[in-house]
Protein backbone atom coordinates (compact mmCIF):
# COMPACT_ATOMS: atom_id res chain seq x y z
CA UNK A 1 -226.84 -96.80 -26.69
CA UNK A 2 -228.76 -97.77 -23.60
CA UNK A 3 -231.73 -96.82 -22.70
CA UNK A 4 -230.84 -94.38 -19.41
CA UNK A 5 -227.99 -92.96 -18.69
CA UNK A 6 -224.65 -94.50 -16.93
CA UNK A 7 -225.62 -94.06 -13.39
CA UNK A 8 -222.19 -92.55 -10.97
CA UNK A 9 -222.03 -91.35 -7.57
CA UNK A 10 -220.20 -88.45 -9.25
CA UNK A 11 -222.50 -85.87 -10.55
CA UNK A 12 -221.35 -84.60 -14.49
CA UNK A 13 -222.89 -81.64 -16.56
CA UNK A 14 -224.20 -83.43 -19.85
CA UNK A 15 -223.46 -80.71 -22.04
CA UNK A 16 -219.57 -81.39 -21.67
CA UNK A 17 -219.47 -84.91 -22.19
CA UNK A 18 -218.00 -85.30 -25.91
CA UNK A 19 -219.53 -87.31 -28.76
CA UNK A 20 -217.03 -89.51 -30.04
CA UNK A 21 -216.90 -90.97 -33.05
CA UNK A 22 -217.81 -94.80 -33.75
CA UNK A 23 -218.27 -97.64 -35.96
CA UNK A 24 -220.39 -100.80 -35.82
CA UNK A 25 -220.59 -104.38 -38.16
CA UNK A 26 -223.39 -106.14 -38.22
CA UNK A 27 -221.65 -109.78 -40.01
CA UNK A 28 -223.85 -112.27 -41.81
CA UNK A 29 -224.26 -115.07 -43.26
CA UNK A 30 -226.60 -117.37 -45.10
CA UNK A 31 -228.08 -120.42 -42.23
CA UNK A 32 -227.89 -124.12 -43.16
CA UNK A 33 -231.58 -124.26 -42.22
CA UNK A 34 -231.96 -121.24 -44.17
CA UNK A 35 -233.02 -118.05 -43.54
CA UNK A 36 -230.11 -115.49 -42.77
CA UNK A 37 -228.31 -115.46 -39.15
CA UNK A 38 -226.33 -111.89 -37.57
CA UNK A 39 -222.96 -112.59 -35.25
CA UNK A 40 -223.60 -110.94 -31.96
CA UNK A 41 -221.58 -110.29 -28.65
CA UNK A 42 -222.40 -110.02 -24.91
CA UNK A 43 -220.21 -107.01 -23.83
CA UNK A 44 -218.74 -107.57 -20.25
CA UNK A 45 -220.69 -106.63 -17.26
CA UNK A 46 -218.00 -104.42 -15.85
CA UNK A 47 -217.87 -102.57 -19.07
CA UNK A 48 -218.17 -98.73 -18.36
CA UNK A 49 -220.85 -98.86 -21.56
CA UNK A 50 -224.10 -100.85 -22.17
CA UNK A 51 -222.54 -103.46 -19.25
CA UNK A 52 -223.99 -107.02 -20.35
CA UNK A 53 -225.82 -106.01 -23.00
CA UNK A 54 -225.89 -107.91 -26.55
CA UNK A 55 -224.27 -105.88 -29.91
CA UNK A 56 -222.83 -106.35 -32.55
CA UNK A 57 -218.82 -105.81 -33.16
CA UNK A 58 -217.56 -102.41 -32.98
CA UNK A 59 -216.11 -99.60 -31.02
CA UNK A 60 -214.08 -95.95 -31.16
CA UNK A 61 -212.34 -94.61 -34.90
CA UNK A 62 -209.32 -94.45 -33.96
CA UNK A 63 -206.87 -91.62 -35.07
CA UNK A 64 -204.79 -94.34 -37.16
CA UNK A 65 -208.22 -95.60 -38.85
CA UNK A 66 -207.86 -92.50 -41.14
CA UNK A 67 -203.99 -92.35 -41.44
CA UNK A 68 -203.15 -92.06 -45.72
CA UNK A 69 -201.01 -95.29 -45.54
CA UNK A 70 -204.75 -97.61 -44.12
CA UNK A 71 -206.90 -95.33 -47.32
CA UNK A 72 -204.28 -96.98 -50.00
CA UNK A 73 -204.91 -100.57 -49.21
CA UNK A 74 -208.92 -99.94 -49.25
CA UNK A 75 -210.37 -101.53 -51.98
CA UNK A 76 -213.67 -99.89 -53.97
CA UNK A 77 -213.89 -96.87 -51.92
CA UNK A 78 -212.07 -93.67 -51.57
CA UNK A 79 -212.25 -90.79 -48.62
CA UNK A 80 -214.22 -88.77 -50.75
CA UNK A 81 -217.08 -90.62 -51.54
CA UNK A 82 -217.00 -92.63 -48.07
CA UNK A 83 -217.57 -89.06 -46.59
CA UNK A 84 -220.17 -88.69 -49.21
CA UNK A 85 -222.13 -91.40 -48.00
CA UNK A 86 -221.70 -89.98 -44.04
CA UNK A 87 -222.47 -86.37 -44.86
CA UNK A 88 -218.85 -85.31 -43.49
CA UNK A 89 -216.42 -83.31 -45.61
CA UNK A 90 -213.78 -86.09 -45.23
CA UNK A 91 -212.50 -88.16 -43.22
CA UNK A 92 -215.26 -90.98 -43.85
CA UNK A 93 -213.17 -93.92 -44.86
CA UNK A 94 -211.97 -93.91 -41.45
CA UNK A 95 -215.43 -95.60 -40.35
CA UNK A 96 -214.86 -98.43 -42.43
CA UNK A 97 -211.60 -99.09 -41.05
CA UNK A 98 -212.43 -98.89 -37.83
CA UNK A 99 -215.43 -101.29 -38.33
CA UNK A 100 -213.08 -104.08 -40.03
CA UNK A 101 -210.49 -103.63 -37.47
CA UNK A 102 -212.76 -103.63 -34.34
CA UNK A 103 -214.27 -106.48 -36.12
CA UNK A 104 -211.07 -108.71 -36.20
CA UNK A 105 -210.25 -107.55 -32.21
CA UNK A 106 -213.15 -108.17 -31.30
CA UNK A 107 -214.94 -111.09 -32.94
CA UNK A 108 -211.76 -112.30 -34.83
CA UNK A 109 -212.55 -111.85 -38.18
CA UNK A 110 -211.00 -110.29 -40.90
CA UNK A 111 -212.78 -108.54 -43.81
CA UNK A 112 -209.44 -108.05 -46.02
CA UNK A 113 -208.29 -110.52 -49.46
CA UNK A 114 -205.01 -111.15 -50.38
CA UNK A 115 -203.91 -108.53 -52.96
CA UNK A 116 -202.18 -111.02 -55.23
CA UNK A 117 -204.70 -113.58 -55.63
CA UNK A 118 -207.88 -111.08 -54.85
CA UNK A 119 -208.85 -114.26 -52.23
CA UNK A 120 -210.67 -113.60 -48.77
CA UNK A 121 -208.78 -114.29 -46.39
CA UNK A 122 -208.90 -118.37 -44.55
CA UNK A 123 -208.30 -119.47 -41.16
CA UNK A 124 -209.30 -123.31 -42.24
CA UNK A 125 -205.27 -123.80 -42.29
CA UNK A 126 -204.58 -124.31 -38.37
CA UNK A 127 -201.28 -122.15 -38.97
CA UNK A 128 -202.66 -119.38 -40.61
CA UNK A 129 -205.49 -119.35 -37.80
CA UNK A 130 -202.83 -119.68 -35.20
CA UNK A 131 -200.73 -116.62 -36.72
CA UNK A 132 -203.81 -114.12 -37.27
CA UNK A 133 -205.12 -114.97 -33.41
CA UNK A 134 -201.99 -113.53 -32.60
CA UNK A 135 -202.00 -110.66 -33.99
CA UNK A 136 -205.65 -110.18 -33.66
CA UNK A 137 -204.86 -109.44 -30.19
CA UNK A 138 -201.36 -107.44 -30.91
CA UNK A 139 -203.31 -105.07 -32.91
CA UNK A 140 -205.91 -105.07 -29.66
CA UNK A 141 -203.35 -104.12 -27.37
CA UNK A 142 -201.70 -101.53 -29.93
CA UNK A 143 -198.85 -102.90 -29.91
CA UNK A 144 -198.99 -103.55 -33.69
CA UNK A 145 -201.05 -101.80 -36.16
CA UNK A 146 -203.93 -103.06 -38.63
CA UNK A 147 -201.71 -101.13 -41.32
CA UNK A 148 -198.73 -103.74 -40.18
CA UNK A 149 -200.60 -106.61 -40.41
CA UNK A 150 -201.70 -106.00 -44.25
CA UNK A 151 -198.41 -104.92 -45.00
CA UNK A 152 -196.69 -108.00 -43.87
CA UNK A 153 -199.38 -110.55 -44.64
CA UNK A 154 -200.26 -108.72 -48.24
CA UNK A 155 -203.47 -107.77 -47.76
CA UNK A 156 -206.15 -105.00 -49.03
CA UNK A 157 -209.47 -104.70 -47.11
CA UNK A 158 -212.71 -105.44 -48.46
CA UNK A 159 -214.62 -101.95 -48.04
CA UNK A 160 -216.23 -102.56 -51.12
CA UNK A 161 -218.19 -104.90 -49.36
CA UNK A 162 -219.44 -103.42 -46.65
CA UNK A 163 -222.63 -100.90 -46.66
CA UNK A 164 -223.50 -98.45 -44.57
CA UNK A 165 -226.43 -98.78 -43.16
CA UNK A 166 -227.53 -96.88 -40.00
CA UNK A 167 -226.59 -93.45 -37.94
CA UNK A 168 -227.55 -93.17 -34.40
CA UNK A 169 -226.13 -90.74 -31.84
CA UNK A 170 -226.25 -91.80 -27.80
CA UNK A 171 -228.94 -89.04 -26.74
CA UNK A 172 -227.52 -86.72 -24.07
CA UNK A 173 -227.48 -87.36 -20.01
CA UNK A 174 -225.31 -90.40 -20.90
CA UNK A 175 -221.79 -90.14 -19.65
CA UNK A 176 -220.43 -91.81 -22.44
CA UNK A 177 -221.78 -90.55 -26.00
CA UNK A 178 -221.14 -91.79 -29.35
CA UNK A 179 -221.99 -91.05 -32.94
CA UNK A 180 -222.09 -94.41 -34.39
CA UNK A 181 -222.36 -95.45 -38.09
CA UNK A 182 -223.70 -99.21 -38.42
CA UNK A 183 -222.26 -101.20 -41.41
CA UNK A 184 -223.17 -104.64 -43.32
CA UNK A 185 -221.50 -106.85 -43.99
CA UNK A 186 -220.62 -111.02 -45.44
CA UNK A 187 -218.95 -112.92 -43.07
CA UNK A 188 -215.96 -114.64 -44.65
CA UNK A 189 -216.88 -118.33 -45.11
CA UNK A 190 -213.56 -119.62 -43.61
CA UNK A 191 -213.35 -117.76 -40.25
CA UNK A 192 -214.99 -118.36 -37.07
CA UNK A 193 -216.05 -115.71 -35.63
CA UNK A 194 -215.67 -115.53 -31.08
CA UNK A 195 -216.08 -113.21 -28.47
CA UNK A 196 -212.18 -112.11 -26.98
CA UNK A 197 -213.00 -113.12 -23.46
CA UNK A 198 -211.83 -109.13 -22.61
CA UNK A 199 -214.27 -106.78 -23.61
CA UNK A 200 -216.75 -109.44 -24.42
CA UNK A 201 -217.67 -112.72 -22.71
CA UNK A 202 -219.89 -114.30 -24.77
CA UNK A 203 -220.80 -114.36 -28.74
CA UNK A 204 -223.47 -116.59 -31.07
CA UNK A 205 -225.15 -116.55 -34.52
CA UNK A 206 -228.60 -115.82 -34.45
CA UNK A 207 -231.48 -115.34 -36.81
CA UNK A 208 -233.00 -111.54 -36.75
CA UNK A 209 -236.58 -113.35 -35.83
CA UNK A 210 -235.12 -115.16 -32.99
CA UNK A 211 -233.03 -112.03 -31.77
CA UNK A 212 -236.64 -110.17 -31.54
CA UNK A 213 -238.48 -113.04 -30.00
CA UNK A 214 -235.70 -113.30 -27.40
CA UNK A 215 -235.60 -109.77 -26.96
CA UNK A 216 -239.43 -109.07 -26.39
CA UNK A 217 -239.28 -112.32 -23.46
CA UNK A 218 -236.10 -109.86 -21.82
CA UNK A 219 -234.10 -112.50 -22.87
CA UNK A 220 -231.60 -110.84 -24.70
CA UNK A 221 -231.19 -106.99 -24.08
CA UNK A 222 -230.77 -105.20 -26.55
CA UNK A 223 -230.28 -101.27 -26.95
CA UNK A 224 -232.44 -99.65 -29.03
CA UNK A 225 -230.17 -99.34 -32.08
CA UNK A 226 -228.92 -102.90 -31.91
CA UNK A 227 -232.81 -104.03 -31.97
CA UNK A 228 -233.83 -101.72 -35.45
CA UNK A 229 -230.55 -102.69 -37.39
CA UNK A 230 -231.86 -106.18 -36.73
CA UNK A 231 -234.89 -105.37 -37.69
CA UNK A 232 -233.70 -104.14 -40.96
CA UNK A 233 -233.01 -107.46 -41.95
CA UNK A 234 -236.00 -108.98 -40.75
CA UNK A 235 -237.51 -108.93 -44.58
CA UNK A 236 -234.68 -110.56 -46.09
CA UNK A 237 -234.13 -114.72 -47.12
CA UNK A 238 -230.61 -114.43 -47.94
CA UNK A 239 -227.27 -112.41 -47.54
CA UNK A 240 -227.83 -111.58 -51.34
CA UNK A 241 -231.26 -109.35 -50.32
CA UNK A 242 -229.86 -107.98 -47.39
CA UNK A 243 -226.08 -106.78 -49.01
CA UNK A 244 -228.29 -105.52 -52.09
CA UNK A 245 -231.02 -103.91 -49.58
CA UNK A 246 -227.86 -102.59 -47.94
CA UNK A 247 -226.21 -101.26 -50.96
CA UNK A 248 -229.73 -98.84 -51.93
CA UNK A 249 -229.89 -97.21 -48.29
CA UNK A 250 -227.18 -94.40 -49.63
CA UNK A 251 -227.20 -91.47 -46.78
CA UNK A 252 -229.79 -92.56 -43.75
CA UNK A 253 -231.46 -90.16 -41.69
CA UNK A 254 -229.08 -89.53 -37.95
CA UNK A 255 -231.22 -91.22 -35.27
CA UNK A 256 -230.47 -89.32 -32.14
CA UNK A 257 -232.88 -90.43 -29.14
CA UNK A 258 -233.68 -88.43 -26.09
CA UNK A 259 -233.98 -89.09 -22.50
CA UNK A 260 -237.48 -88.74 -20.87
CA UNK A 261 -237.39 -87.66 -17.52
CA UNK A 262 -240.35 -87.28 -14.86
CA UNK A 263 -241.02 -84.36 -12.80
CA UNK A 264 -238.28 -86.17 -10.14
CA UNK A 265 -235.49 -86.73 -12.04
CA UNK A 266 -236.18 -90.12 -13.05
CA UNK A 267 -235.66 -91.92 -16.37
CA UNK A 268 -238.72 -92.54 -17.69
CA UNK A 269 -237.69 -93.81 -21.06
CA UNK A 270 -236.93 -92.80 -24.56
CA UNK A 271 -238.35 -91.14 -26.70
CA UNK A 272 -237.76 -91.37 -30.59
CA UNK A 273 -237.69 -89.24 -33.81
CA UNK A 274 -241.27 -89.24 -34.71
CA UNK A 275 -242.80 -89.94 -31.05
CA UNK A 276 -245.31 -86.85 -30.42
CA UNK A 277 -242.91 -85.86 -27.19
CA UNK A 278 -239.41 -85.75 -29.15
CA UNK A 279 -240.03 -82.11 -30.22
CA UNK A 280 -240.92 -80.86 -26.41
CA UNK A 281 -238.07 -83.11 -24.52
């Protein structure tokens, strides 16, 4: 979700732009020197949406994320409960599945555990890492489904350890709009995240405070949802604290920014719910 509409030579009617469901996950870990870190990616400059911006792993919810067979592999969360948390009649569990799938595609981190042992997937064996990295790219190009990988490897998805924390909708005026749910999950200890060199071109771990400092200095370009989700992390010193706070969020308020335009039709900023001019736009 960018600060201004995507520019194009072709005019379009903003009222006809579909709002697509999407899911994003903040991967967090305890830093060696103390405090926490969050994993971030930089989108390619050729991206049609949020080009060059620093983001969390995530993307559009696909139809395959909501099939019954994948729901049966989700631990500790039913579609009814997930939908209730998201304020939906049904289909809520697909957002959790989508954030797991997108995290694997974009960052190479698989939030899953072995069905037989209950152990979280580890990539510290080079052969295992290579096999899963191969499947990562297959899932990304659609030649293999996440369900296929789970069945072949005997895995279940750790949906019970992923918490829903915020809900943002891209403002009208963008050429691409998303109804995005943000989640938080601990990064598995024996998996090393890395950008895919396709949709994303850079990746790193960063403390929430450093991210905010760099954003203030214009060194780290963050969209409003990214910035506010990082702010959620700031008060917490450990991943345990973050996960405990995230578990208490429940159903967050939906945030729909509005684009501010001057008398000449130029974009001059964004109004957020609660701003004095929000209701008059």
